[in-house]
Structures are given as structure tokens and as C-alpha cells.
Amino acid sequence: MHMVYINQFKALIKLWRGEFKGLDSSTGHYIIPHPIWKTIGIETQQAIKTIPASFIHSIPNIKANFHSFTAEDNAFWLTWLAPYLLAGSLSEPYYSHMLDLIKIIKVCTGFGMTRAELKALGTNLYNWHLDYEDHYFQHDPKRLSIMTLASHRLDHLLDDINNTGPPAALWEFVTERSMGEVVCSVTSHVYPFTQLANTLLQWEQLKVMRMQYPDLSEELDYSGGHCDWSRISSAEKYFPEINN
């Protein structure tokens, strides 16, 4: 998630906007003018209105509020919206290069992977990285900062899959959410580790009590307010003719 959906995605967006560490496109022509980005931002928000909330929530305007994008926003925008929003705006060969990355992402995020797909993935990753060097780095030492750690990490993705299995089986979202809750519970600047230990201890004590007294499970749940998922947000639209 961090490698592609956060680090590499942000690097590509900054390159396409001409805002990557003060570098221009040099001999390339991959920068999309700001007026076109304004249109892309509007089209992003318009597209989300017709997509069911079970797939994605409201996404900010990528031109005006790119800093508000989350990893989930990045993943959905790059994988499912970018091929349409950037068609005709991102010139070749950069557009085809982006599509190659999306193909790699779809293979890696699948729930299964055949030996043939795994072999092809290694070739596609290698070719994508070579094209990345040609298109953006341009083999210019002054543009070395474009070769980010995330782009290099993609070279080792095939080895990681061979050693640990498909990335979908190693998703760390649950762990990160748990760590986020733990961090929010720590408010002491003097004894943060003591408070952290006490928080974890109290959580486990509550779990034991909920297991021993299942009838009081709801009363002992202090994880936060329960959401009413039947309610829709201001960014969603209800279609009675479909639901009926």
C-alpha cells in the first residue's frame, strides 16, 4: 500500500503537475497544464457521484485538495479513474506507461495468482522500471531524485511475492487501524509507554469479560459509537427505482 498507493502515486502526480522537487520535464513532455488539472479535479468528483458507496466514498478534488487524499483514494483513483480521466491529457508514451503500472497493480491485488501470471509479472515489473528511467529520470544525474525508493522497491516485489505469497494475503490494513486506535489513546507526554501498556492491558481485560459474559458484549464495547450504515452522506444519492 505505502509503496505504490502512497509513495509512488504521489511521485507520479507531482511529476505530471510539474511540482516534483523543482524539476521540469527536461526532454520529456509529461507535464499536464494546470487548467486541464482543474477539469480533471471536477470530473473526479462528478464520477464519484454515480459510483456506489460500497466501492468508494467521496473523493476530494485532486487539483484543489490533493493533500487530503488517503491511500484508499489514491488506490481507487489510480486503478479505476486515471485511465479515463487522463486519456488525451497525459501524452504518450507516459499514458501507456501508466496503464502498464495499473495492470501490475491489478495482478498484485488479486486474490490468486497463477505461475504464468507470476512469471509475466516479473517481466512487466522489469520493463516498467526501465521505461520509468527513460521517461522521467532520462539518465540525467541532476534528475536522480526522481528515482525514489518506492520505484526501486518495485524491483523486489516479485521476490517478496515468491517468499510470502500474494500481497492481498498480507494486507496490513487491520494492523494499521489497530495501531491508529492505540496511538489515539495515548495522551500523556510524561509517561506515554506506561499509558500505552495500560491501554492494551485494559483492552484485553474487556475482551475476556465479553467472552465470559456474552449477554453484556454490547455494553462492554468501548470501541466507539456504532454507525448507522443505512444512512447516506451528503456526497451520496439515493435511487429508489433501483433499490425497489
Foldseek 3Di string as FASTA:
>chain_A
DCLPLNVVLVLLVCQQCVNRPNDDQVPADFHFDLVLLQVLLVVQLVVVQPDDVVQPDGDHRCSPPVVPDDSSNSVCCLQPPCLPSCVVRGDPPVSVLSVLVNVLVVQLQDPDHDPVRLVVSLVSLVVSLVVQCCRGVVPDPVRVPSCDPSNVVSNCVSVVCVVPNRVNVVDCPVVVVVVVLLVVQQDDPVPRVVSSVVVVVVVVVLVVVCVVPVVCVVVSDPVDDDDDVVDDDPSYDDDVVVVD
